Amino acid sequence: MQSICKKIVAAFIFYLFTFHFATAQKISKLNFLSEYTVPHNLQFKGTTVGGLSGIDYDAKNNLYYIISDDRSAINAARYYTAKIFFSNNKIDSVVFVDV
């Protein structure tokens, strides 16, 4: 039984490296589009928005995940989901959706 489990795990790892990682697109450079300043002490769902340091995009849901790094000095550790709207390759508005 252990031998079968090891073979299944090995096959799965082989699959990941062969097919999943091989299809990832390489990003050769980043271009700065614009910046957006969140209003000081902006309140959202009982938290103070601030210390925003990391952002990632979820294309499937058209949402951005933004992490706050205020080290729980103001509120508990958290991340926000937001929609970011662009106009002429510049950020037009940021709408926080959840925390």
N, C-alpha and C. Protein backbone atom coordinates (compact mmCIF):
# COMPACT_ATOMS: atom_id res chain seq x y z
N MET A 1 0.83 -1.20 0.00
CA MET A 1 0.00 0.00 0.00
C MET A 1 0.86 1.26 0.00
N GLN A 2 1.94 1.26 0.82
CA GLN A 2 2.82 2.42 0.86
C GLN A 2 3.45 2.66 -0.50
N SER A 3 3.78 1.59 -1.19
CA SER A 3 4.40 1.70 -2.51
C SER A 3 3.45 2.38 -3.49
N ILE A 4 2.18 2.04 -3.43
CA ILE A 4 1.19 2.65 -4.32
C ILE A 4 1.04 4.13 -3.99
N CYS A 5 0.99 4.47 -2.71
CA CYS A 5 0.87 5.88 -2.29
C CYS A 5 2.07 6.68 -2.76
N LYS A 6 3.26 6.12 -2.63
CA LYS A 6 4.47 6.82 -3.08
C LYS A 6 4.44 7.05 -4.58
N LYS A 7 3.95 6.06 -5.33
CA LYS A 7 3.87 6.20 -6.79
C LYS A 7 2.86 7.28 -7.18
N ILE A 8 1.74 7.34 -6.46
CA ILE A 8 0.72 8.37 -6.73
C ILE A 8 1.28 9.75 -6.44
N VAL A 9 1.95 9.90 -5.30
CA VAL A 9 2.54 11.19 -4.95
C VAL A 9 3.60 11.58 -5.97
N ALA A 10 4.44 10.65 -6.37
CA ALA A 10 5.49 10.93 -7.36
C ALA A 10 4.86 11.34 -8.69
N ALA A 11 3.79 10.66 -9.09
CA ALA A 11 3.11 11.01 -10.35
C ALA A 11 2.51 12.40 -10.27
N PHE A 12 1.94 12.75 -9.12
CA PHE A 12 1.35 14.08 -8.95
C PHE A 12 2.43 15.16 -9.03
N ILE A 13 3.55 14.94 -8.35
CA ILE A 13 4.65 15.91 -8.40
C ILE A 13 5.17 16.04 -9.83
N PHE A 14 5.31 14.92 -10.53
CA PHE A 14 5.75 14.96 -11.93
C PHE A 14 4.77 15.78 -12.77
N TYR A 15 3.47 15.55 -12.55
CA TYR A 15 2.44 16.30 -13.27
C TYR A 15 2.58 17.80 -13.02
N LEU A 16 2.76 18.19 -11.75
CA LEU A 16 2.89 19.61 -11.42
C LEU A 16 4.05 20.26 -12.16
N PHE A 17 5.19 19.63 -12.10
CA PHE A 17 6.37 20.22 -12.72
C PHE A 17 6.32 20.16 -14.24
N THR A 18 5.69 19.13 -14.79
CA THR A 18 5.66 18.97 -16.24
C THR A 18 4.60 19.85 -16.89
N PHE A 19 3.42 19.87 -16.34
CA PHE A 19 2.32 20.55 -17.01
C PHE A 19 1.96 21.89 -16.38
N HIS A 20 1.83 21.94 -15.08
CA HIS A 20 1.37 23.17 -14.43
C HIS A 20 2.42 24.28 -14.53
N PHE A 21 3.61 24.02 -14.10
CA PHE A 21 4.63 25.05 -14.08
C PHE A 21 5.12 25.38 -15.48
N ALA A 22 5.04 24.44 -16.39
CA ALA A 22 5.48 24.68 -17.76
C ALA A 22 4.57 25.67 -18.48
N THR A 23 3.31 25.76 -18.05
CA THR A 23 2.37 26.65 -18.73
C THR A 23 2.35 28.06 -18.15
N ALA A 24 3.08 28.28 -17.08
CA ALA A 24 3.12 29.62 -16.49
C ALA A 24 3.81 30.59 -17.44
N GLN A 25 3.24 31.77 -17.58
CA GLN A 25 3.83 32.77 -18.47
C GLN A 25 4.92 33.53 -17.75
N LYS A 26 5.97 33.82 -18.48
CA LYS A 26 7.08 34.57 -17.92
C LYS A 26 6.81 36.06 -18.12
N ILE A 27 6.98 36.83 -17.06
CA ILE A 27 6.84 38.28 -17.14
C ILE A 27 8.24 38.85 -17.24
N SER A 28 8.51 39.56 -18.33
CA SER A 28 9.87 40.05 -18.54
C SER A 28 10.11 41.43 -17.93
N LYS A 29 9.04 42.22 -17.76
CA LYS A 29 9.22 43.53 -17.14
C LYS A 29 7.88 44.06 -16.64
N LEU A 30 7.95 45.04 -15.77
CA LEU A 30 6.76 45.71 -15.25
C LEU A 30 6.77 47.15 -15.73
N ASN A 31 5.61 47.69 -15.96
CA ASN A 31 5.48 49.09 -16.34
C ASN A 31 4.67 49.83 -15.29
N PHE A 32 5.17 50.97 -14.84
CA PHE A 32 4.44 51.80 -13.90
C PHE A 32 3.32 52.51 -14.65
N LEU A 33 2.09 52.33 -14.19
CA LEU A 33 0.95 52.99 -14.83
C LEU A 33 0.58 54.28 -14.12
N SER A 34 0.35 54.18 -12.83
CA SER A 34 -0.02 55.37 -12.07
C SER A 34 -0.02 55.02 -10.59
N GLU A 35 -0.35 56.00 -9.79
CA GLU A 35 -0.46 55.77 -8.35
C GLU A 35 -1.80 56.29 -7.88
N TYR A 36 -2.20 55.83 -6.71
CA TYR A 36 -3.47 56.24 -6.14
C TYR A 36 -3.27 56.40 -4.64
N THR A 37 -3.70 57.50 -4.10
CA THR A 37 -3.56 57.75 -2.67
C THR A 37 -4.90 57.51 -1.98
N VAL A 38 -4.88 56.59 -1.04
CA VAL A 38 -6.08 56.31 -0.24
C VAL A 38 -6.19 57.41 0.80
N PRO A 39 -7.37 57.99 0.99
CA PRO A 39 -7.52 59.06 1.98
C PRO A 39 -7.03 58.65 3.38
N HIS A 40 -6.37 59.56 4.06
CA HIS A 40 -5.83 59.32 5.40
C HIS A 40 -6.95 58.93 6.36
N ASN A 41 -6.72 57.89 7.15
CA ASN A 41 -7.68 57.39 8.14
C ASN A 41 -9.01 56.94 7.54
N LEU A 42 -8.99 56.49 6.30
CA LEU A 42 -10.20 55.97 5.67
C LEU A 42 -10.73 54.80 6.49
N GLN A 43 -12.01 54.84 6.83
CA GLN A 43 -12.65 53.79 7.61
C GLN A 43 -13.42 52.86 6.66
N PHE A 44 -13.23 51.55 6.86
CA PHE A 44 -13.94 50.57 6.04
C PHE A 44 -14.27 49.36 6.90
N LYS A 45 -15.54 49.08 7.06
CA LYS A 45 -16.03 47.93 7.83
C LYS A 45 -15.34 47.81 9.19
N GLY A 46 -15.28 48.91 9.91
CA GLY A 46 -14.74 48.90 11.26
C GLY A 46 -13.22 48.87 11.35
N THR A 47 -12.54 49.11 10.23
CA THR A 47 -11.08 49.14 10.23
C THR A 47 -10.59 50.45 9.64
N THR A 48 -9.38 50.82 10.01
CA THR A 48 -8.72 51.97 9.39
C THR A 48 -7.84 51.44 8.27
N VAL A 49 -8.13 51.85 7.05
CA VAL A 49 -7.35 51.40 5.90
C VAL A 49 -6.01 52.12 5.93
N GLY A 50 -4.94 51.36 5.90
CA GLY A 50 -3.62 51.98 5.91
C GLY A 50 -2.53 50.94 5.99
N GLY A 51 -1.30 51.37 5.77
CA GLY A 51 -0.17 50.46 5.78
C GLY A 51 -0.25 49.44 4.66
N LEU A 52 -0.83 49.83 3.54
CA LEU A 52 -1.01 48.90 2.43
C LEU A 52 0.34 48.66 1.76
N SER A 53 0.74 47.39 1.68
CA SER A 53 2.09 47.13 1.19
C SER A 53 2.18 46.10 0.08
N GLY A 54 1.19 45.27 -0.09
CA GLY A 54 1.26 44.24 -1.12
C GLY A 54 -0.06 44.13 -1.84
N ILE A 55 0.01 43.80 -3.12
CA ILE A 55 -1.21 43.69 -3.91
C ILE A 55 -1.07 42.54 -4.89
N ASP A 56 -2.16 41.83 -5.11
CA ASP A 56 -2.18 40.74 -6.07
C ASP A 56 -3.54 40.77 -6.77
N TYR A 57 -3.56 40.34 -8.04
CA TYR A 57 -4.77 40.41 -8.84
C TYR A 57 -5.33 39.02 -9.08
N ASP A 58 -6.63 38.88 -8.91
CA ASP A 58 -7.36 37.65 -9.17
C ASP A 58 -8.19 37.89 -10.43
N ALA A 59 -7.68 37.45 -11.57
CA ALA A 59 -8.35 37.72 -12.85
C ALA A 59 -9.70 37.02 -12.95
N LYS A 60 -9.82 35.86 -12.34
CA LYS A 60 -11.08 35.10 -12.41
C LYS A 60 -12.22 35.89 -11.79
N ASN A 61 -11.96 36.56 -10.67
CA ASN A 61 -13.00 37.32 -9.97
C ASN A 61 -12.88 38.83 -10.17
N ASN A 62 -11.90 39.27 -10.94
CA ASN A 62 -11.65 40.69 -11.18
C ASN A 62 -11.54 41.46 -9.86
N LEU A 63 -10.75 40.90 -8.93
CA LEU A 63 -10.55 41.51 -7.62
C LEU A 63 -9.06 41.64 -7.34
N TYR A 64 -8.74 42.63 -6.54
CA TYR A 64 -7.37 42.80 -6.06
C TYR A 64 -7.36 42.46 -4.57
N TYR A 65 -6.31 41.78 -4.14
CA TYR A 65 -6.10 41.47 -2.73
C TYR A 65 -4.97 42.36 -2.25
N ILE A 66 -5.24 43.16 -1.22
CA ILE A 66 -4.28 44.16 -0.74
C ILE A 66 -4.04 43.91 0.74
N ILE A 67 -2.78 43.71 1.11
CA ILE A 67 -2.46 43.40 2.50
C ILE A 67 -2.07 44.66 3.25
N SER A 68 -2.50 44.72 4.50
CA SER A 68 -2.14 45.83 5.38
C SER A 68 -1.03 45.36 6.30
N ASP A 69 0.02 46.16 6.42
CA ASP A 69 1.16 45.76 7.26
C ASP A 69 1.33 46.68 8.46
N ASP A 70 0.22 47.13 9.03
CA ASP A 70 0.36 48.03 10.19
C ASP A 70 0.72 47.27 11.47
N ARG A 71 1.01 45.97 11.34
CA ARG A 71 1.47 45.12 12.46
C ARG A 71 0.48 45.08 13.61
N SER A 72 -0.79 45.17 13.26
CA SER A 72 -1.88 45.13 14.25
C SER A 72 -1.82 46.27 15.25
N ALA A 73 -1.14 47.35 14.90
CA ALA A 73 -1.06 48.52 15.79
C ALA A 73 -2.39 49.26 15.83
N ILE A 74 -3.11 49.26 14.72
CA ILE A 74 -4.40 49.96 14.66
C ILE A 74 -5.55 48.97 14.71
N ASN A 75 -5.51 47.96 13.87
CA ASN A 75 -6.51 46.89 13.84
C ASN A 75 -5.78 45.56 13.71
N ALA A 76 -6.53 44.48 13.87
CA ALA A 76 -5.94 43.14 13.73
C ALA A 76 -5.38 42.96 12.32
N ALA A 77 -4.46 42.01 12.19
CA ALA A 77 -3.88 41.70 10.88
C ALA A 77 -5.02 41.47 9.89
N ARG A 78 -4.85 41.99 8.66
CA ARG A 78 -5.96 41.93 7.72
C ARG A 78 -5.48 42.13 6.29
N TYR A 79 -6.35 41.77 5.38
CA TYR A 79 -6.17 42.12 3.97
C TYR A 79 -7.52 42.56 3.43
N TYR A 80 -7.47 43.34 2.40
CA TYR A 80 -8.68 43.88 1.79
C TYR A 80 -8.85 43.31 0.40
N THR A 81 -10.09 43.18 -0.03
CA THR A 81 -10.37 42.93 -1.43
C THR A 81 -10.92 44.23 -1.99
N ALA A 82 -10.53 44.52 -3.21
CA ALA A 82 -10.93 45.79 -3.82
C ALA A 82 -11.09 45.63 -5.32
N LYS A 83 -11.84 46.52 -5.88
CA LYS A 83 -11.94 46.66 -7.33
C LYS A 83 -11.21 47.94 -7.69
N ILE A 84 -10.37 47.86 -8.69
CA ILE A 84 -9.62 49.04 -9.14
C ILE A 84 -10.06 49.32 -10.57
N PHE A 85 -10.47 50.55 -10.79
CA PHE A 85 -10.96 50.96 -12.10
C PHE A 85 -9.93 51.87 -12.77
N PHE A 86 -9.70 51.61 -14.05
CA PHE A 86 -8.70 52.36 -14.81
C PHE A 86 -9.38 53.17 -15.91
N SER A 87 -8.77 54.28 -16.24
CA SER A 87 -9.20 55.12 -17.34
C SER A 87 -7.95 55.69 -18.00
N ASN A 88 -7.79 55.48 -19.27
CA ASN A 88 -6.61 55.96 -20.00
C ASN A 88 -5.30 55.49 -19.35
N ASN A 89 -5.25 54.21 -18.97
CA ASN A 89 -4.07 53.60 -18.33
C ASN A 89 -3.68 54.25 -17.01
N LYS A 90 -4.63 54.86 -16.33
CA LYS A 90 -4.39 55.43 -15.01
C LYS A 90 -5.48 54.96 -14.07
N ILE A 91 -5.13 54.86 -12.78
CA ILE A 91 -6.13 54.45 -11.80
C ILE A 91 -7.16 55.56 -11.65
N ASP A 92 -8.41 55.21 -11.90
CA ASP A 92 -9.50 56.17 -11.78
C ASP A 92 -10.08 56.14 -10.37
N SER A 93 -10.30 54.93 -9.85
CA SER A 93 -10.86 54.81 -8.50
C SER A 93 -10.56 53.43 -7.93
N VAL A 94 -10.60 53.37 -6.60
CA VAL A 94 -10.42 52.12 -5.87
C VAL A 94 -11.64 51.96 -4.97
N VAL A 95 -12.32 50.84 -5.10
CA VAL A 95 -13.50 50.56 -4.29
C VAL A 95 -13.21 49.33 -3.44
N PHE A 96 -13.13 49.52 -2.13
CA PHE A 96 -12.91 48.40 -1.23
C PHE A 96 -14.19 47.59 -1.14
N VAL A 97 -14.05 46.27 -1.24
CA VAL A 97 -15.20 45.37 -1.27
C VAL A 97 -15.37 44.62 0.04
N ASP A 98 -14.26 44.16 0.61
CA ASP A 98 -14.34 43.39 1.85
C ASP A 98 -13.02 43.48 2.60
N VAL A 99 -13.05 43.05 3.85
CA VAL A 99 -11.86 43.02 4.69
C VAL A 99 -11.81 41.70 5.43
